[in-house]
C-alpha atoms as a PDB file:
ATOM      1  CA  MET A   1      21.827 -15.216  36.874  1.00  0.00           C
ATOM      2  CA  ALA A   2      22.121 -14.296  33.348  1.00  0.00           C
ATOM      3  CA  GLY A   3      22.980 -10.955  32.361  1.00  0.00           C
ATOM      4  CA  ILE A   4      19.911  -8.432  30.996  1.00  0.00           C
ATOM      5  CA  THR A   5      20.186  -5.708  28.611  1.00  0.00           C
ATOM      6  CA  LEU A   6      18.130  -4.087  26.055  1.00  0.00           C
ATOM      7  CA  GLY A   7      17.867  -5.097  22.554  1.00  0.00           C
ATOM      8  CA  GLN A   8      16.407  -3.183  19.817  1.00  0.00           C
ATOM      9  CA  ASN A   9      14.093   0.167  20.373  1.00  0.00           C
ATOM     10  CA  ASN A  10      12.252   2.538  18.401  1.00  0.00           C
ATOM     11  CA  TYR A  11       9.759   4.934  19.645  1.00  0.00           C
ATOM     12  CA  GLY A  12       7.814   7.372  17.550  1.00  0.00           C
ATOM     13  CA  LYS A  13       4.089   8.941  16.381  1.00  0.00           C
ATOM     14  CA  SER A  14       1.713   7.164  14.953  1.00  0.00           C
ATOM     15  CA  ARG A  15      -1.338   8.142  12.910  1.00  0.00           C
ATOM     16  CA  VAL A  16      -0.296  11.480  12.599  1.00  0.00           C
ATOM     17  CA  ARG A  17      -3.393  12.575   9.831  1.00  0.00           C
ATOM     18  CA  MET A  18      -2.897  16.057   8.209  1.00  0.00           C
ATOM     19  CA  VAL A  19      -5.180  17.620   5.045  1.00  0.00           C
ATOM     20  CA  LYS A  20      -3.452  20.132   3.032  1.00  0.00           C
ATOM     21  CA  VAL A  21      -4.971  22.701   0.409  1.00  0.00           C
ATOM     22  CA  SER A  22      -2.481  23.862  -1.797  1.00  0.00           C
ATOM     23  CA  ARG A  23      -4.180  26.941  -3.687  1.00  0.00           C
ATOM     24  CA  GLU A  24      -3.361  27.834  -7.217  1.00  0.00           C
ATOM     25  CA  GLY A  25      -5.129  30.757  -7.676  1.00  0.00           C
ATOM     26  CA  ALA A  26      -9.368  29.633  -7.918  1.00  0.00           C
ATOM     27  CA  ARG A  27      -8.071  26.115  -8.517  1.00  0.00           C
ATOM     28  CA  HIS A  28      -7.360  24.156  -5.065  1.00  0.00           C
ATOM     29  CA  THR A  29      -5.866  20.771  -4.394  1.00  0.00           C
ATOM     30  CA  VAL A  30      -6.830  18.598  -1.242  1.00  0.00           C
ATOM     31  CA  ARG A  31      -4.510  16.191  -0.244  1.00  0.00           C
ATOM     32  CA  GLU A  32      -4.772  13.768   3.063  1.00  0.00           C
ATOM     33  CA  ILE A  33      -2.109  11.767   4.674  1.00  0.00           C
ATOM     34  CA  SER A  34      -1.609   9.703   7.778  1.00  0.00           C
ATOM     35  CA  VAL A  35       2.272   9.457   8.890  1.00  0.00           C
ATOM     36  CA  ASP A  36       3.573   6.976  10.848  1.00  0.00           C
ATOM     37  CA  ILE A  37       7.206   7.978  12.506  1.00  0.00           C
ATOM     38  CA  ALA A  38       9.531   5.133  14.467  1.00  0.00           C
ATOM     39  CA  LEU A  39      12.999   6.515  15.416  1.00  0.00           C
ATOM     40  CA  GLU A  40      16.304   4.677  16.583  1.00  0.00           C
ATOM     41  CA  GLY A  41      19.284   5.718  18.272  1.00  0.00           C
ATOM     42  CA  ASP A  42      21.126   6.075  21.558  1.00  0.00           C
ATOM     43  CA  PHE A  43      17.860   5.364  24.107  1.00  0.00           C
ATOM     44  CA  ARG A  44      19.478   3.153  26.396  1.00  0.00           C
ATOM     45  CA  ALA A  45      19.224   6.244  29.049  1.00  0.00           C
ATOM     46  CA  ILE A  46      16.046   6.719  28.275  1.00  0.00           C
ATOM     47  CA  HIS A  47      14.790   3.044  29.090  1.00  0.00           C
ATOM     48  CA  CYS A  48      17.332   1.840  31.488  1.00  0.00           C
ATOM     49  CA  SER A  49      17.873   5.175  34.092  1.00  0.00           C
ATOM     50  CA  GLY A  50      14.782   7.383  33.195  1.00  0.00           C
ATOM     51  CA  ASP A  51      17.360  10.198  31.767  1.00  0.00           C
ATOM     52  CA  ASN A  52      15.128  11.660  28.943  1.00  0.00           C
ATOM     53  CA  ALA A  53      18.285  13.914  27.914  1.00  0.00           C
ATOM     54  CA  ASN A  54      17.900  12.131  24.532  1.00  0.00           C
ATOM     55  CA  CYS A  55      14.328  11.872  23.907  1.00  0.00           C
ATOM     56  CA  LEU A  56      12.792  13.791  21.653  1.00  0.00           C
ATOM     57  CA  PRO A  57       8.539  13.973  22.640  1.00  0.00           C
ATOM     58  CA  THR A  58       6.620  12.385  20.433  1.00  0.00           C
ATOM     59  CA  ASP A  59       4.232  15.642  20.562  1.00  0.00           C
ATOM     60  CA  THR A  60       7.432  17.288  18.861  1.00  0.00           C
ATOM     61  CA  MET A  61       7.393  14.362  15.877  1.00  0.00           C
ATOM     62  CA  LYS A  62       3.458  15.344  15.296  1.00  0.00           C
ATOM     63  CA  ASN A  63       4.186  18.841  15.004  1.00  0.00           C
ATOM     64  CA  THR A  64       7.161  18.354  12.573  1.00  0.00           C
ATOM     65  CA  VAL A  65       5.087  16.482  10.213  1.00  0.00           C
ATOM     66  CA  TYR A  66       2.687  19.738  10.008  1.00  0.00           C
ATOM     67  CA  ALA A  67       5.387  22.360  10.270  1.00  0.00           C
ATOM     68  CA  LEU A  68       7.513  20.754   7.020  1.00  0.00           C
ATOM     69  CA  GLY A  69       3.849  19.764   5.335  1.00  0.00           C
ATOM     70  CA  LYS A  70       3.568  23.340   5.183  1.00  0.00           C
ATOM     71  CA  ASN A  71       6.564  24.122   2.609  1.00  0.00           C
ATOM     72  CA  HIS A  72       6.534  20.797   0.760  1.00  0.00           C
ATOM     73  CA  PRO A  73       4.831  20.566  -2.425  1.00  0.00           C
ATOM     74  CA  LEU A  74       2.882  16.358  -0.794  1.00  0.00           C
ATOM     75  CA  ASP A  75       3.863  16.195  -5.092  1.00  0.00           C
ATOM     76  CA  SER A  76       4.321  12.393  -3.615  1.00  0.00           C
ATOM     77  CA  ILE A  77       4.336  10.814  -0.580  1.00  0.00           C
ATOM     78  CA  GLU A  78       7.509   9.118  -0.948  1.00  0.00           C
ATOM     79  CA  SER A  79       9.195  12.498  -1.195  1.00  0.00           C
ATOM     80  CA  PHE A  80       7.618  13.836   1.402  1.00  0.00           C
ATOM     81  CA  ALA A  81       8.552  10.940   3.862  1.00  0.00           C
ATOM     82  CA  LEU A  82      12.145  11.155   2.403  1.00  0.00           C
ATOM     83  CA  HIS A  83      11.916  14.919   3.310  1.00  0.00           C
ATOM     84  CA  LEU A  84      10.466  13.895   7.167  1.00  0.00           C
ATOM     85  CA  ALA A  85      13.394  11.076   7.702  1.00  0.00           C
ATOM     86  CA  GLU A  86      16.145  12.976   6.185  1.00  0.00           C
ATOM     87  CA  HIS A  87      14.841  15.640   9.000  1.00  0.00           C
ATOM     88  CA  PHE A  88      14.689  13.847  11.931  1.00  0.00           C
ATOM     89  CA  VAL A  89      18.209  11.947  11.306  1.00  0.00           C
ATOM     90  CA  LYS A  90      19.952  15.460  10.727  1.00  0.00           C
ATOM     91  CA  LYS A  91      18.435  17.419  12.824  1.00  0.00           C
ATOM     92  CA  THR A  92      18.291  15.021  16.215  1.00  0.00           C
ATOM     93  CA  ALA A  93      21.840  13.746  17.239  1.00  0.00           C
ATOM     94  CA  PRO A  94      20.837  10.677  19.204  1.00  0.00           C
ATOM     95  CA  VAL A  95      18.652   9.292  16.528  1.00  0.00           C
ATOM     96  CA  SER A  96      20.611   6.548  13.901  1.00  0.00           C
ATOM     97  CA  SER A  97      17.701   5.902  11.572  1.00  0.00           C
ATOM     98  CA  ALA A  98      14.085   6.985  11.131  1.00  0.00           C
ATOM     99  CA  ARG A  99      11.605   5.101   9.825  1.00  0.00           C
ATOM    100  CA  VAL A 100       8.631   6.790   7.988  1.00  0.00           C
ATOM    101  CA  ARG A 101       5.347   5.327   6.422  1.00  0.00           C
ATOM    102  CA  ILE A 102       2.733   7.579   4.974  1.00  0.00           C
ATOM    103  CA  SER A 103      -0.857   6.542   3.683  1.00  0.00           C
ATOM    104  CA  GLN A 104      -2.827   8.747   1.585  1.00  0.00           C
ATOM    105  CA  VAL A 105      -6.736   9.210   1.274  1.00  0.00           C
ATOM    106  CA  PRO A 106      -7.911   9.880  -2.388  1.00  0.00           C
ATOM    107  CA  TRP A 107      -9.927  12.532  -2.734  1.00  0.00           C
ATOM    108  CA  ASP A 108     -11.348  12.866  -6.001  1.00  0.00           C
ATOM    109  CA  ARG A 109     -12.253  16.394  -8.228  1.00  0.00           C
ATOM    110  CA  VAL A 110     -16.132  17.233  -8.784  1.00  0.00           C
ATOM    111  CA  GLN A 111     -17.316  17.173 -12.044  1.00  0.00           C
ATOM    112  CA  ILE A 112     -20.382  19.537 -12.824  1.00  0.00           C
ATOM    113  CA  ASP A 113     -21.708  19.363 -16.393  1.00  0.00           C
ATOM    114  CA  GLY A 114     -18.296  17.588 -17.676  1.00  0.00           C
ATOM    115  CA  LYS A 115     -16.552  20.647 -16.252  1.00  0.00           C
ATOM    116  CA  GLU A 116     -13.848  19.808 -13.351  1.00  0.00           C
ATOM    117  CA  HIS A 117     -14.652  21.832 -10.021  1.00  0.00           C
ATOM    118  CA  ALA A 118     -12.084  23.871  -8.810  1.00  0.00           C
ATOM    119  CA  HIS A 119     -12.720  23.168  -5.166  1.00  0.00           C
ATOM    120  CA  THR A 120     -15.309  20.859  -4.761  1.00  0.00           C
ATOM    121  CA  PHE A 121     -14.303  17.041  -3.716  1.00  0.00           C
ATOM    122  CA  THR A 122     -15.750  13.715  -3.287  1.00  0.00           C
ATOM    123  CA  LYS A 123     -13.828  10.927  -0.794  1.00  0.00           C
ATOM    124  CA  GLY A 124     -12.512   8.404  -3.106  1.00  0.00           C
ATOM    125  CA  THR A 125     -12.527   4.275  -2.275  1.00  0.00           C
ATOM    126  CA  GLU A 126     -11.103   2.805   0.412  1.00  0.00           C
ATOM    127  CA  GLU A 127      -8.051   2.353  -1.862  1.00  0.00           C
ATOM    128  CA  ARG A 128      -4.704   3.648  -0.207  1.00  0.00           C
ATOM    129  CA  GLN A 129      -1.524   4.616  -1.781  1.00  0.00           C
ATOM    130  CA  THR A 130       1.233   3.734   0.913  1.00  0.00           C
ATOM    131  CA  CYS A 131       4.911   4.077   0.959  1.00  0.00           C
ATOM    132  CA  GLU A 132       7.905   3.098   3.646  1.00  0.00           C
ATOM    133  CA  VAL A 133      11.273   5.384   3.853  1.00  0.00           C
ATOM    134  CA  ARG A 134      14.344   4.491   6.061  1.00  0.00           C
ATOM    135  CA  VAL A 135      16.932   7.072   6.097  1.00  0.00           C
ATOM    136  CA  ALA A 136      20.143   6.051   8.463  1.00  0.00           C
ATOM    137  CA  ARG A 137      22.837   8.308   9.650  1.00  0.00           C
ATOM    138  CA  ASN A 138      25.656   5.735   8.624  1.00  0.00           C
ATOM    139  CA  GLY A 139      23.960   3.141   6.172  1.00  0.00           C
ATOM    140  CA  PRO A 140      21.703   3.576   2.967  1.00  0.00           C
ATOM    141  CA  THR A 141      18.584   5.033   2.307  1.00  0.00           C
ATOM    142  CA  THR A 142      15.413   2.680   1.830  1.00  0.00           C
ATOM    143  CA  LEU A 143      12.310   3.904  -0.149  1.00  0.00           C
ATOM    144  CA  ALA A 144       9.693   1.626  -0.904  1.00  0.00           C
ATOM    145  CA  GLY A 145       6.278   2.357  -2.415  1.00  0.00           C
ATOM    146  CA  GLY A 146       2.669   0.300  -2.371  1.00  0.00           C
ATOM    147  CA  ILE A 147      -1.024  -0.226  -2.584  1.00  0.00           C
ATOM    148  CA  ARG A 148      -3.487  -1.161  -0.632  1.00  0.00           C
ATOM    149  CA  ASP A 149      -7.395  -1.990  -0.213  1.00  0.00           C
ATOM    150  CA  PHE A 150      -7.016  -1.830  -4.170  1.00  0.00           C
ATOM    151  CA  VAL A 151     -10.428  -3.657  -4.927  1.00  0.00           C
ATOM    152  CA  ILE A 152     -10.926  -5.281  -8.330  1.00  0.00           C
ATOM    153  CA  LEU A 153     -13.437  -7.921  -9.984  1.00  0.00           C
ATOM    154  CA  LYS A 154     -13.655  -9.507 -12.948  1.00  0.00           C
ATOM    155  CA  SER A 155     -16.905 -12.138 -13.766  1.00  0.00           C
ATOM    156  CA  THR A 156     -15.156 -14.015 -16.441  1.00  0.00           C
ATOM    157  CA  ASP A 157     -11.942 -15.271 -17.867  1.00  0.00           C
ATOM    158  CA  SER A 158     -11.052 -16.921 -14.757  1.00  0.00           C
ATOM    159  CA  ALA A 159     -10.813 -20.461 -13.974  1.00  0.00           C
ATOM    160  CA  PHE A 160      -9.593 -22.972 -11.505  1.00  0.00           C
ATOM    161  CA  ALA A 161      -9.228 -26.931 -12.665  1.00  0.00           C
ATOM    162  CA  GLY A 162      -7.095 -29.807 -12.498  1.00  0.00           C
ATOM    163  CA  TYR A 163      -5.700 -28.790  -9.183  1.00  0.00           C
ATOM    164  CA  MET A 164      -4.537 -31.967  -6.286  1.00  0.00           C
ATOM    165  CA  LYS A 165      -7.627 -33.964  -4.739  1.00  0.00           C
ATOM    166  CA  ASP A 166      -7.678 -35.757  -1.386  1.00  0.00           C
ATOM    167  CA  PRO A 167     -10.412 -37.252   0.529  1.00  0.00           C
ATOM    168  CA  PHE A 168     -11.715 -33.975   1.766  1.00  0.00           C
ATOM    169  CA  THR A 169     -12.000 -31.619  -1.520  1.00  0.00           C
ATOM    170  CA  THR A 170     -15.568 -30.869  -2.276  1.00  0.00           C
ATOM    171  CA  LEU A 171     -14.508 -27.722  -4.525  1.00  0.00           C
ATOM    172  CA  PRO A 172     -15.788 -28.546  -7.864  1.00  0.00           C
ATOM    173  CA  GLU A 173     -13.383 -27.271 -10.960  1.00  0.00           C
ATOM    174  CA  THR A 174     -14.879 -24.409 -12.804  1.00  0.00           C
ATOM    175  CA  ARG A 175     -13.836 -22.808 -16.221  1.00  0.00           C
ATOM    176  CA  ASP A 176     -15.595 -19.354 -15.396  1.00  0.00           C
ATOM    177  CA  ARG A 177     -15.827 -18.051 -12.350  1.00  0.00           C
ATOM    178  CA  ILE A 178     -15.851 -14.576 -10.769  1.00  0.00           C
ATOM    179  CA  PHE A 179     -12.504 -13.155  -9.944  1.00  0.00           C
ATOM    180  CA  ALA A 180     -12.619 -10.692  -6.911  1.00  0.00           C
ATOM    181  CA  THR A 181      -9.226  -9.783  -4.308  1.00  0.00           C
ATOM    182  CA  SER A 182      -8.583  -7.034  -2.696  1.00  0.00           C
ATOM    183  CA  VAL A 183      -4.433  -5.905  -3.654  1.00  0.00           C
ATOM    184  CA  THR A 184      -1.927  -5.454  -1.313  1.00  0.00           C
ATOM    185  CA  ALA A 185       1.443  -4.406  -3.453  1.00  0.00           C
ATOM    186  CA  ASP A 186       4.984  -3.202  -2.085  1.00  0.00           C
ATOM    187  CA  TRP A 187       7.537  -2.582  -4.538  1.00  0.00           C
ATOM    188  CA  GLN A 188      11.177  -1.069  -4.001  1.00  0.00           C
ATOM    189  CA  TYR A 189      12.628   1.526  -5.747  1.00  0.00           C
ATOM    190  CA  ASN A 190      16.027   1.487  -7.405  1.00  0.00           C
ATOM    191  CA  ASP A 191      18.833   3.850  -5.818  1.00  0.00           C
ATOM    192  CA  GLY A 192      18.440   7.218  -7.428  1.00  0.00           C
ATOM    193  CA  ALA A 193      14.500   6.596  -7.981  1.00  0.00           C
ATOM    194  CA  ARG A 194      12.869  10.135  -7.959  1.00  0.00           C
ATOM    195  CA  ASP A 195       9.804  10.105 -10.057  1.00  0.00           C
ATOM    196  CA  PHE A 196       7.944   8.479  -7.364  1.00  0.00           C
ATOM    197  CA  ALA A 197       4.346   9.854  -8.752  1.00  0.00           C
ATOM    198  CA  GLN A 198       5.136   8.822 -12.994  1.00  0.00           C
ATOM    199  CA  ALA A 199       6.158   5.055 -11.026  1.00  0.00           C
ATOM    200  CA  ARG A 200       3.196   4.857  -9.376  1.00  0.00           C
ATOM    201  CA  THR A 201       1.105   5.189 -11.957  1.00  0.00           C
ATOM    202  CA  GLN A 202       3.042   2.836 -13.883  1.00  0.00           C
ATOM    203  CA  ILE A 203       2.685   0.108 -11.625  1.00  0.00           C
ATOM    204  CA  ARG A 204      -1.000   0.378 -10.909  1.00  0.00           C
ATOM    205  CA  ASP A 205      -1.739   0.724 -14.461  1.00  0.00           C
ATOM    206  CA  ALA A 206       0.223  -2.594 -15.310  1.00  0.00           C
ATOM    207  CA  LEU A 207      -1.233  -4.345 -12.460  1.00  0.00           C
ATOM    208  CA  VAL A 208      -5.101  -3.033 -13.732  1.00  0.00           C
ATOM    209  CA  ARG A 209      -4.598  -4.002 -17.444  1.00  0.00           C
ATOM    210  CA  THR A 210      -3.200  -7.612 -16.737  1.00  0.00           C
ATOM    211  CA  PHE A 211      -5.827  -8.125 -14.331  1.00  0.00           C
ATOM    212  CA  ALA A 212      -7.963  -7.183 -16.834  1.00  0.00           C
ATOM    213  CA  ALA A 213      -6.642  -9.363 -20.108  1.00  0.00           C
ATOM    214  CA  HIS A 214      -5.160 -11.982 -17.962  1.00  0.00           C
ATOM    215  CA  LYS A 215      -6.879 -15.810 -18.950  1.00  0.00           C
ATOM    216  CA  SER A 216      -6.364 -16.772 -15.504  1.00  0.00           C
ATOM    217  CA  GLU A 217      -6.231 -20.497 -14.913  1.00  0.00           C
ATOM    218  CA  SER A 218      -5.394 -19.408 -10.862  1.00  0.00           C
ATOM    219  CA  VAL A 219      -4.610 -16.451  -8.843  1.00  0.00           C
ATOM    220  CA  GLN A 220      -1.212 -17.483  -8.539  1.00  0.00           C
ATOM    221  CA  GLN A 221      -0.847 -17.847 -12.118  1.00  0.00           C
ATOM    222  CA  THR A 222      -2.455 -13.962 -12.580  1.00  0.00           C
ATOM    223  CA  LEU A 223      -0.351 -12.451  -9.169  1.00  0.00           C
ATOM    224  CA  TYR A 224       2.622 -13.997 -11.277  1.00  0.00           C
ATOM    225  CA  ALA A 225       1.584 -12.019 -14.288  1.00  0.00           C
ATOM    226  CA  MET A 226       0.743  -8.795 -12.459  1.00  0.00           C
ATOM    227  CA  GLY A 227       4.025  -8.724 -11.062  1.00  0.00           C
ATOM    228  CA  GLU A 228       6.208  -9.621 -14.100  1.00  0.00           C
ATOM    229  CA  ALA A 229       3.749  -6.418 -16.003  1.00  0.00           C
ATOM    230  CA  ALA A 230       4.222  -4.089 -13.092  1.00  0.00           C
ATOM    231  CA  LEU A 231       8.292  -4.915 -13.265  1.00  0.00           C
ATOM    232  CA  GLN A 232       8.392  -4.737 -17.196  1.00  0.00           C
ATOM    233  CA  ARG A 233       6.211  -0.890 -17.413  1.00  0.00           C
ATOM    234  CA  CYS A 234       8.663   0.502 -14.582  1.00  0.00           C
ATOM    235  CA  ALA A 235      12.018   0.463 -14.645  1.00  0.00           C
ATOM    236  CA  ALA A 236      12.288   2.339 -11.323  1.00  0.00           C
ATOM    237  CA  ILE A 237      11.647  -0.500  -9.011  1.00  0.00           C
ATOM    238  CA  SER A 238      13.797  -3.901  -8.603  1.00  0.00           C
ATOM    239  CA  ARG A 239      10.641  -6.246  -7.285  1.00  0.00           C
ATOM    240  CA  ILE A 240       7.190  -6.320  -6.319  1.00  0.00           C
ATOM    241  CA  ARG A 241       5.246  -8.013  -3.425  1.00  0.00           C
ATOM    242  CA  LEU A 242       1.226  -8.862  -4.013  1.00  0.00           C
ATOM    243  CA  SER A 243      -0.620  -9.777  -1.909  1.00  0.00           C
ATOM    244  CA  LEU A 244      -3.952 -10.867  -3.381  1.00  0.00           C
ATOM    245  CA  PRO A 245      -6.901 -12.732  -0.629  1.00  0.00           C
ATOM    246  CA  ASN A 246      -9.578 -14.600  -3.035  1.00  0.00           C
ATOM    247  CA  LYS A 247     -13.034 -12.553  -2.588  1.00  0.00           C
ATOM    248  CA  HIS A 248     -15.006 -15.497  -3.143  1.00  0.00           C
ATOM    249  CA  CYS A 249     -18.825 -15.213  -4.877  1.00  0.00           C
ATOM    250  CA  LEU A 250     -20.204 -18.248  -4.368  1.00  0.00           C
ATOM    251  CA  LEU A 251     -22.525 -19.442  -7.386  1.00  0.00           C
ATOM    252  CA  ILE A 252     -26.327 -20.149  -5.537  1.00  0.00           C
ATOM    253  CA  ASN A 253     -28.135 -23.032  -6.085  1.00  0.00           C
ATOM    254  CA  LEU A 254     -31.572 -21.713  -7.791  1.00  0.00           C
ATOM    255  CA  GLN A 255     -32.454 -25.686  -8.589  1.00  0.00           C
ATOM    256  CA  PRO A 256     -35.117 -26.055  -5.937  1.00  0.00           C
ATOM    257  CA  PHE A 257     -37.176 -23.063  -7.340  1.00  0.00           C
ATOM    258  CA  GLY A 258     -37.070 -24.687 -10.461  1.00  0.00           C
ATOM    259  CA  MET A 259     -34.756 -21.661 -12.174  1.00  0.00           C
ATOM    260  CA  GLU A 260     -31.388 -21.947 -13.812  1.00  0.00           C
ATOM    261  CA  ASN A 261     -28.703 -20.176 -12.523  1.00  0.00           C
ATOM    262  CA  PRO A 262     -26.068 -19.702 -15.462  1.00  0.00           C
ATOM    263  CA  ASN A 263     -23.222 -17.597 -13.770  1.00  0.00           C
ATOM    264  CA  GLU A 264     -25.727 -14.963 -12.734  1.00  0.00           C
ATOM    265  CA  ILE A 265     -26.433 -15.143  -8.826  1.00  0.00           C
ATOM    266  CA  PHE A 266     -23.648 -15.258  -6.849  1.00  0.00           C
ATOM    267  CA  VAL A 267     -23.704 -14.443  -2.537  1.00  0.00           C
ATOM    268  CA  PRO A 268     -20.051 -12.906  -1.630  1.00  0.00           C
ATOM    269  CA  THR A 269     -18.425 -14.376   1.088  1.00  0.00           C
ATOM    270  CA  ASP A 270     -15.493 -12.420   2.917  1.00  0.00           C
ATOM    271  CA  GLU A 271     -14.588 -15.767   5.713  1.00  0.00           C
ATOM    272  CA  PRO A 272     -12.543 -17.801   5.292  1.00  0.00           C
ATOM    273  CA  HIS A 273     -10.574 -16.811   2.197  1.00  0.00           C
ATOM    274  CA  GLY A 274      -7.983 -17.996   0.289  1.00  0.00           C
ATOM    275  CA  LEU A 275      -4.642 -15.702   0.793  1.00  0.00           C
ATOM    276  CA  ILE A 276      -1.982 -15.911  -2.361  1.00  0.00           C
ATOM    277  CA  GLU A 277       1.372 -13.861  -1.741  1.00  0.00           C
ATOM    278  CA  ALA A 278       4.814 -14.203  -3.942  1.00  0.00           C
ATOM    279  CA  THR A 279       7.541 -11.422  -4.535  1.00  0.00           C
ATOM    280  CA  ILE A 280       8.527 -10.896  -7.928  1.00  0.00           C
ATOM    281  CA  GLU A 281      11.863  -9.612  -8.372  1.00  0.00           C
ATOM    282  CA  ARG A 282      14.309  -8.902 -11.407  1.00  0.00           C
ATOM    283  CA  SER A 283      17.332 -11.605 -11.650  1.00  0.00           C
END
């Protein structure tokens, strides 16, 4: 009988949610995050013989998020993720590497009579800032940032024509259609990058500006243009991966009612949808 051995393994704590209120006099800032932690290391005895001497409880990991979050400014989720990962590697001897993922929920400051309120907020969109940090005891540190559930739409400047056709093709060509998508973007930071907040602002702005201005012949073409713009705008990243599901809006036929429909009335559909993905990187 062939031998049996333990392969790659990790354990940790997921969906550790935290809200932090930073108080600067009467003006407060609210930040809400969800943290996932995964540790790798010398855990064979835990699995194979029930010896928990090298097992840091996942409840301790949860408490660590709150304790370290108390004194961290949370100026960027990347810097906090790096702080957490370094803590687990430095303070827990059996751990060889730690991976920390963070997703941030947006809270927008309320404006009343044109003035920002000091301590009142509304929950933002479903868009989330994301990051993933991996710290290894005897290896490189990797940092990645991202955005997910970033829904964006433009009502024109989008076409799709001249494509391959076969006996099963029914899609009509168009020079004017709605372009809607829910952007997922993940980017890799260069070594030494530390101004994560500025990088994130630059990348998101480049993505939005390019989406709005691009005369699209396909989702693929616009995806590439968005990724190219992000790399040109932000020197702190080496590559970016974009996922753009095509959230279709289908033109409704109003002719049975004796009415024309010059690209005004549509029905939105979620399934099935096209999914276009690519990585754009520096050569």
